[in-house]
Amino acid sequence: MQRYVYQVVEVREKMLGGKISGDRLEKLLNDRAGEGWQLKTITAAEIKGRVGPGGVEGLLVTFERPVD
């Protein structure tokens, strides 16, 4: 049976929110693919900000790869 490991990356454009650029997301995907990771899911989420309570809109990007 194949086993996998997972990596979850929080992505947001700016500390105070804002739209996430396609170029930035594309770079993240290509960088992880170069390390052998495969995209599993992209989920919109409220991500805790660095300042104050509450969060900002962002993405949780989940990657997987087989365990060697």
PDB file of N, CA and C in Angstrom:
ATOM      1  N   MET A   1       0.837  -1.182   0.000  1.00  0.00           N
ATOM      2  CA  MET A   1       0.000   0.000   0.000  1.00  0.00           C
ATOM      3  C   MET A   1       0.884   1.248   0.000  1.00  0.00           C
ATOM      4  N   GLN A   2       0.575   2.202  -0.880  1.00  0.00           N
ATOM      5  CA  GLN A   2       1.359   3.438  -0.991  1.00  0.00           C
ATOM      6  C   GLN A   2       1.090   4.353   0.197  1.00  0.00           C
ATOM      7  N   ARG A   3       2.149   4.909   0.766  1.00  0.00           N
ATOM      8  CA  ARG A   3       2.017   5.870   1.868  1.00  0.00           C
ATOM      9  C   ARG A   3       2.444   7.240   1.366  1.00  0.00           C
ATOM     10  N   TYR A   4       1.842   8.283   1.961  1.00  0.00           N
ATOM     11  CA  TYR A   4       2.117   9.653   1.538  1.00  0.00           C
ATOM     12  C   TYR A   4       2.464  10.530   2.732  1.00  0.00           C
ATOM     13  N   VAL A   5       3.194  11.600   2.457  1.00  0.00           N
ATOM     14  CA  VAL A   5       3.404  12.668   3.428  1.00  0.00           C
ATOM     15  C   VAL A   5       2.762  13.917   2.834  1.00  0.00           C
ATOM     16  N   TYR A   6       2.372  14.845   3.704  1.00  0.00           N
ATOM     17  CA  TYR A   6       1.656  16.040   3.271  1.00  0.00           C
ATOM     18  C   TYR A   6       2.342  17.302   3.777  1.00  0.00           C
ATOM     19  N   GLN A   7       2.152  18.372   3.027  1.00  0.00           N
ATOM     20  CA  GLN A   7       2.665  19.689   3.398  1.00  0.00           C
ATOM     21  C   GLN A   7       1.540  20.682   3.134  1.00  0.00           C
ATOM     22  N   VAL A   8       1.231  21.529   4.125  1.00  0.00           N
ATOM     23  CA  VAL A   8       0.203  22.555   3.966  1.00  0.00           C
ATOM     24  C   VAL A   8       0.879  23.918   4.051  1.00  0.00           C
ATOM     25  N   VAL A   9       0.616  24.760   3.059  1.00  0.00           N
ATOM     26  CA  VAL A   9       1.218  26.088   2.986  1.00  0.00           C
ATOM     27  C   VAL A   9       0.104  27.131   3.067  1.00  0.00           C
ATOM     28  N   GLU A  10       0.246  28.100   3.985  1.00  0.00           N
ATOM     29  CA  GLU A  10      -0.689  29.224   4.082  1.00  0.00           C
ATOM     30  C   GLU A  10      -0.224  30.304   3.116  1.00  0.00           C
ATOM     31  N   VAL A  11      -1.135  30.756   2.278  1.00  0.00           N
ATOM     32  CA  VAL A  11      -0.793  31.784   1.290  1.00  0.00           C
ATOM     33  C   VAL A  11      -1.721  32.969   1.456  1.00  0.00           C
ATOM     34  N   ARG A  12      -1.138  34.133   1.598  1.00  0.00           N
ATOM     35  CA  ARG A  12      -1.898  35.389   1.566  1.00  0.00           C
ATOM     36  C   ARG A  12      -0.997  36.419   0.908  1.00  0.00           C
ATOM     37  N   GLU A  13      -1.598  37.390   0.279  1.00  0.00           N
ATOM     38  CA  GLU A  13      -0.806  38.344  -0.505  1.00  0.00           C
ATOM     39  C   GLU A  13      -0.105  39.375   0.372  1.00  0.00           C
ATOM     40  N   LYS A  14      -0.823  39.922   1.341  1.00  0.00           N
ATOM     41  CA  LYS A  14      -0.263  40.979   2.181  1.00  0.00           C
ATOM     42  C   LYS A  14      -0.654  40.735   3.624  1.00  0.00           C
ATOM     43  N   MET A  15       0.011  41.402   4.539  1.00  0.00           N
ATOM     44  CA  MET A  15      -0.298  41.244   5.953  1.00  0.00           C
ATOM     45  C   MET A  15      -1.750  41.631   6.235  1.00  0.00           C
ATOM     46  N   LEU A  16      -2.272  42.623   5.540  1.00  0.00           N
ATOM     47  CA  LEU A  16      -3.633  43.079   5.794  1.00  0.00           C
ATOM     48  C   LEU A  16      -4.632  42.542   4.775  1.00  0.00           C
ATOM     49  N   GLY A  17      -4.271  41.515   4.068  1.00  0.00           N
ATOM     50  CA  GLY A  17      -5.195  40.906   3.100  1.00  0.00           C
ATOM     51  C   GLY A  17      -4.887  41.357   1.696  1.00  0.00           C
ATOM     52  N   GLY A  18      -5.848  41.217   0.826  1.00  0.00           N
ATOM     53  CA  GLY A  18      -5.661  41.576  -0.570  1.00  0.00           C
ATOM     54  C   GLY A  18      -5.728  40.331  -1.436  1.00  0.00           C
ATOM     55  N   LYS A  19      -5.856  40.561  -2.717  1.00  0.00           N
ATOM     56  CA  LYS A  19      -5.990  39.469  -3.671  1.00  0.00           C
ATOM     57  C   LYS A  19      -4.656  38.741  -3.846  1.00  0.00           C
ATOM     58  N   ILE A  20      -4.722  37.441  -3.933  1.00  0.00           N
ATOM     59  CA  ILE A  20      -3.520  36.635  -4.143  1.00  0.00           C
ATOM     60  C   ILE A  20      -3.252  36.579  -5.639  1.00  0.00           C
ATOM     61  N   SER A  21      -2.045  36.902  -6.030  1.00  0.00           N
ATOM     62  CA  SER A  21      -1.737  36.960  -7.456  1.00  0.00           C
ATOM     63  C   SER A  21      -1.545  35.560  -8.031  1.00  0.00           C
ATOM     64  N   GLY A  22      -1.985  35.400  -9.275  1.00  0.00           N
ATOM     65  CA  GLY A  22      -1.790  34.137  -9.986  1.00  0.00           C
ATOM     66  C   GLY A  22      -0.323  33.813 -10.158  1.00  0.00           C
ATOM     67  N   ASP A  23       0.499  34.834 -10.384  1.00  0.00           N
ATOM     68  CA  ASP A  23       1.937  34.610 -10.560  1.00  0.00           C
ATOM     69  C   ASP A  23       2.561  34.032  -9.296  1.00  0.00           C
ATOM     70  N   ARG A  24       2.152  34.554  -8.154  1.00  0.00           N
ATOM     71  CA  ARG A  24       2.705  34.066  -6.885  1.00  0.00           C
ATOM     72  C   ARG A  24       2.286  32.615  -6.634  1.00  0.00           C
ATOM     73  N   LEU A  25       1.019  32.312  -6.896  1.00  0.00           N
ATOM     74  CA  LEU A  25       0.534  30.950  -6.710  1.00  0.00           C
ATOM     75  C   LEU A  25       1.222  29.998  -7.692  1.00  0.00           C
ATOM     76  N   GLU A  26       1.368  30.428  -8.925  1.00  0.00           N
ATOM     77  CA  GLU A  26       2.041  29.601  -9.926  1.00  0.00           C
ATOM     78  C   GLU A  26       3.479  29.297  -9.513  1.00  0.00           C
ATOM     79  N   LYS A  27       4.189  30.291  -8.994  1.00  0.00           N
ATOM     80  CA  LYS A  27       5.570  30.076  -8.539  1.00  0.00           C
ATOM     81  C   LYS A  27       5.609  29.051  -7.407  1.00  0.00           C
ATOM     82  N   LEU A  28       4.692  29.177  -6.437  1.00  0.00           N
ATOM     83  CA  LEU A  28       4.626  28.223  -5.330  1.00  0.00           C
ATOM     84  C   LEU A  28       4.410  26.805  -5.858  1.00  0.00           C
ATOM     85  N   LEU A  29       3.447  26.642  -6.768  1.00  0.00           N
ATOM     86  CA  LEU A  29       3.147  25.320  -7.311  1.00  0.00           C
ATOM     87  C   LEU A  29       4.345  24.736  -8.053  1.00  0.00           C
ATOM     88  N   ASN A  30       4.995  25.549  -8.886  1.00  0.00           N
ATOM     89  CA  ASN A  30       6.155  25.070  -9.635  1.00  0.00           C
ATOM     90  C   ASN A  30       7.350  24.763  -8.735  1.00  0.00           C
ATOM     91  N   ASP A  31       7.558  25.586  -7.709  1.00  0.00           N
ATOM     92  CA  ASP A  31       8.657  25.329  -6.765  1.00  0.00           C
ATOM     93  C   ASP A  31       8.458  23.998  -6.057  1.00  0.00           C
ATOM     94  N   ARG A  32       7.241  23.745  -5.563  1.00  0.00           N
ATOM     95  CA  ARG A  32       6.967  22.484  -4.848  1.00  0.00           C
ATOM     96  C   ARG A  32       7.031  21.286  -5.798  1.00  0.00           C
ATOM     97  N   ALA A  33       6.545  21.462  -7.030  1.00  0.00           N
ATOM     98  CA  ALA A  33       6.619  20.371  -8.018  1.00  0.00           C
ATOM     99  C   ALA A  33       8.067  19.985  -8.283  1.00  0.00           C
ATOM    100  N   GLY A  34       8.952  20.983  -8.305  1.00  0.00           N
ATOM    101  CA  GLY A  34      10.375  20.718  -8.501  1.00  0.00           C
ATOM    102  C   GLY A  34      10.991  19.926  -7.358  1.00  0.00           C
ATOM    103  N   GLU A  35      10.338  19.964  -6.186  1.00  0.00           N
ATOM    104  CA  GLU A  35      10.803  19.207  -5.016  1.00  0.00           C
ATOM    105  C   GLU A  35      10.094  17.859  -4.903  1.00  0.00           C
ATOM    106  N   GLY A  36       9.250  17.535  -5.900  1.00  0.00           N
ATOM    107  CA  GLY A  36       8.567  16.251  -5.904  1.00  0.00           C
ATOM    108  C   GLY A  36       7.187  16.251  -5.280  1.00  0.00           C
ATOM    109  N   TRP A  37       6.677  17.430  -4.907  1.00  0.00           N
ATOM    110  CA  TRP A  37       5.339  17.518  -4.311  1.00  0.00           C
ATOM    111  C   TRP A  37       4.296  17.618  -5.407  1.00  0.00           C
ATOM    112  N   GLN A  38       3.127  17.044  -5.178  1.00  0.00           N
ATOM    113  CA  GLN A  38       1.992  17.129  -6.092  1.00  0.00           C
ATOM    114  C   GLN A  38       0.860  17.853  -5.385  1.00  0.00           C
ATOM    115  N   LEU A  39       0.210  18.769  -6.102  1.00  0.00           N
ATOM    116  CA  LEU A  39      -0.915  19.506  -5.531  1.00  0.00           C
ATOM    117  C   LEU A  39      -2.036  18.544  -5.188  1.00  0.00           C
ATOM    118  N   LYS A  40      -2.564  18.650  -3.971  1.00  0.00           N
ATOM    119  CA  LYS A  40      -3.692  17.831  -3.528  1.00  0.00           C
ATOM    120  C   LYS A  40      -4.978  18.673  -3.514  1.00  0.00           C
ATOM    121  N   THR A  41      -4.948  19.808  -2.793  1.00  0.00           N
ATOM    122  CA  THR A  41      -6.115  20.688  -2.728  1.00  0.00           C
ATOM    123  C   THR A  41      -5.694  22.137  -2.529  1.00  0.00           C
ATOM    124  N   ILE A  42      -6.600  23.033  -2.920  1.00  0.00           N
ATOM    125  CA  ILE A  42      -6.483  24.456  -2.590  1.00  0.00           C
ATOM    126  C   ILE A  42      -7.799  24.833  -1.929  1.00  0.00           C
ATOM    127  N   THR A  43      -7.717  25.382  -0.724  1.00  0.00           N
ATOM    128  CA  THR A  43      -8.902  25.720   0.048  1.00  0.00           C
ATOM    129  C   THR A  43      -8.854  27.183   0.461  1.00  0.00           C
ATOM    130  N   ALA A  44      -9.935  27.925   0.196  1.00  0.00           N
ATOM    131  CA  ALA A  44     -10.027  29.300   0.685  1.00  0.00           C
ATOM    132  C   ALA A  44     -10.230  29.240   2.193  1.00  0.00           C
ATOM    133  N   ALA A  45      -9.541  30.127   2.917  1.00  0.00           N
ATOM    134  CA  ALA A  45      -9.621  30.099   4.377  1.00  0.00           C
ATOM    135  C   ALA A  45      -9.315  31.468   4.942  1.00  0.00           C
ATOM    136  N   GLU A  46      -9.757  31.678   6.173  1.00  0.00           N
ATOM    137  CA  GLU A  46      -9.363  32.872   6.908  1.00  0.00           C
ATOM    138  C   GLU A  46      -8.094  32.500   7.665  1.00  0.00           C
ATOM    139  N   ILE A  47      -7.025  33.208   7.386  1.00  0.00           N
ATOM    140  CA  ILE A  47      -5.722  32.907   7.980  1.00  0.00           C
ATOM    141  C   ILE A  47      -5.381  33.978   8.999  1.00  0.00           C
ATOM    142  N   LYS A  48      -4.933  33.546  10.168  1.00  0.00           N
ATOM    143  CA  LYS A  48      -4.601  34.481  11.246  1.00  0.00           C
ATOM    144  C   LYS A  48      -3.568  35.484  10.761  1.00  0.00           C
ATOM    145  N   GLY A  49      -3.867  36.757  10.996  1.00  0.00           N
ATOM    146  CA  GLY A  49      -2.946  37.820  10.627  1.00  0.00           C
ATOM    147  C   GLY A  49      -1.822  37.962  11.638  1.00  0.00           C
ATOM    148  N   ARG A  50      -0.846  38.769  11.308  1.00  0.00           N
ATOM    149  CA  ARG A  50       0.288  38.989  12.215  1.00  0.00           C
ATOM    150  C   ARG A  50      -0.001  40.080  13.225  1.00  0.00           C
ATOM    151  N   VAL A  51      -1.023  40.893  12.936  1.00  0.00           N
ATOM    152  CA  VAL A  51      -1.342  42.011  13.820  1.00  0.00           C
ATOM    153  C   VAL A  51      -2.789  41.887  14.285  1.00  0.00           C
ATOM    154  N   GLY A  52      -3.005  41.879  15.571  1.00  0.00           N
ATOM    155  CA  GLY A  52      -4.351  41.884  16.129  1.00  0.00           C
ATOM    156  C   GLY A  52      -5.080  40.564  15.973  1.00  0.00           C
ATOM    157  N   PRO A  53      -6.313  40.542  16.484  1.00  0.00           N
ATOM    158  CA  PRO A  53      -7.132  39.335  16.382  1.00  0.00           C
ATOM    159  C   PRO A  53      -7.698  39.188  14.976  1.00  0.00           C
ATOM    160  N   GLY A  54      -8.449  38.154  14.732  1.00  0.00           N
ATOM    161  CA  GLY A  54      -9.073  37.966  13.424  1.00  0.00           C
ATOM    162  C   GLY A  54      -8.075  37.487  12.408  1.00  0.00           C
ATOM    163  N   GLY A  55      -8.522  37.420  11.176  1.00  0.00           N
ATOM    164  CA  GLY A  55      -7.661  36.898  10.130  1.00  0.00           C
ATOM    165  C   GLY A  55      -7.862  37.635   8.826  1.00  0.00           C
ATOM    166  N   VAL A  56      -7.164  37.168   7.815  1.00  0.00           N
ATOM    167  CA  VAL A  56      -7.269  37.718   6.467  1.00  0.00           C
ATOM    168  C   VAL A  56      -7.617  36.578   5.525  1.00  0.00           C
ATOM    169  N   GLU A  57      -8.218  36.932   4.395  1.00  0.00           N
ATOM    170  CA  GLU A  57      -8.533  35.909   3.414  1.00  0.00           C
ATOM    171  C   GLU A  57      -7.248  35.382   2.808  1.00  0.00           C
ATOM    172  N   GLY A  58      -7.209  34.088   2.622  1.00  0.00           N
ATOM    173  CA  GLY A  58      -6.040  33.473   2.025  1.00  0.00           C
ATOM    174  C   GLY A  58      -6.380  32.085   1.534  1.00  0.00           C
ATOM    175  N   LEU A  59      -5.352  31.333   1.237  1.00  0.00           N
ATOM    176  CA  LEU A  59      -5.505  29.971   0.748  1.00  0.00           C
ATOM    177  C   LEU A  59      -4.681  29.021   1.595  1.00  0.00           C
ATOM    178  N   LEU A  60      -5.194  27.815   1.774  1.00  0.00           N
ATOM    179  CA  LEU A  60      -4.407  26.721   2.310  1.00  0.00           C
ATOM    180  C   LEU A  60      -4.144  25.804   1.124  1.00  0.00           C
ATOM    181  N   VAL A  61      -2.881  25.647   0.778  1.00  0.00           N
ATOM    182  CA  VAL A  61      -2.501  24.834  -0.373  1.00  0.00           C
ATOM    183  C   VAL A  61      -1.860  23.560   0.171  1.00  0.00           C
ATOM    184  N   THR A  62      -2.456  22.415  -0.142  1.00  0.00           N
ATOM    185  CA  THR A  62      -1.996  21.137   0.386  1.00  0.00           C
ATOM    186  C   THR A  62      -1.316  20.343  -0.722  1.00  0.00           C
ATOM    187  N   PHE A  63      -0.116  19.856  -0.406  1.00  0.00           N
ATOM    188  CA  PHE A  63       0.663  19.039  -1.337  1.00  0.00           C
ATOM    189  C   PHE A  63       0.862  17.656  -0.738  1.00  0.00           C
ATOM    190  N   GLU A  64       1.087  16.679  -1.613  1.00  0.00           N
ATOM    191  CA  GLU A  64       1.408  15.331  -1.151  1.00  0.00           C
ATOM    192  C   GLU A  64       2.524  14.765  -2.003  1.00  0.00           C
ATOM    193  N   ARG A  65       3.237  13.803  -1.428  1.00  0.00           N
ATOM    194  CA  ARG A  65       4.189  13.032  -2.212  1.00  0.00           C
ATOM    195  C   ARG A  65       4.357  11.669  -1.551  1.00  0.00           C
ATOM    196  N   PRO A  66       4.683  10.670  -2.333  1.00  0.00           N
ATOM    197  CA  PRO A  66       4.841   9.333  -1.768  1.00  0.00           C
ATOM    198  C   PRO A  66       6.036   9.281  -0.822  1.00  0.00           C
ATOM    199  N   VAL A  67       5.917   8.453   0.204  1.00  0.00           N
ATOM    200  CA  VAL A  67       7.020   8.208   1.120  1.00  0.00           C
ATOM    201  C   VAL A  67       7.968   7.251   0.415  1.00  0.00           C
ATOM    202  N   ASP A  68       9.249   7.602   0.414  1.00  0.00           N
ATOM    203  CA  ASP A  68      10.254   6.726  -0.229  1.00  0.00           C
ATOM    204  C   ASP A  68      10.549   5.502   0.610  1.00  0.00           C
TER     205      ASP A  68
END
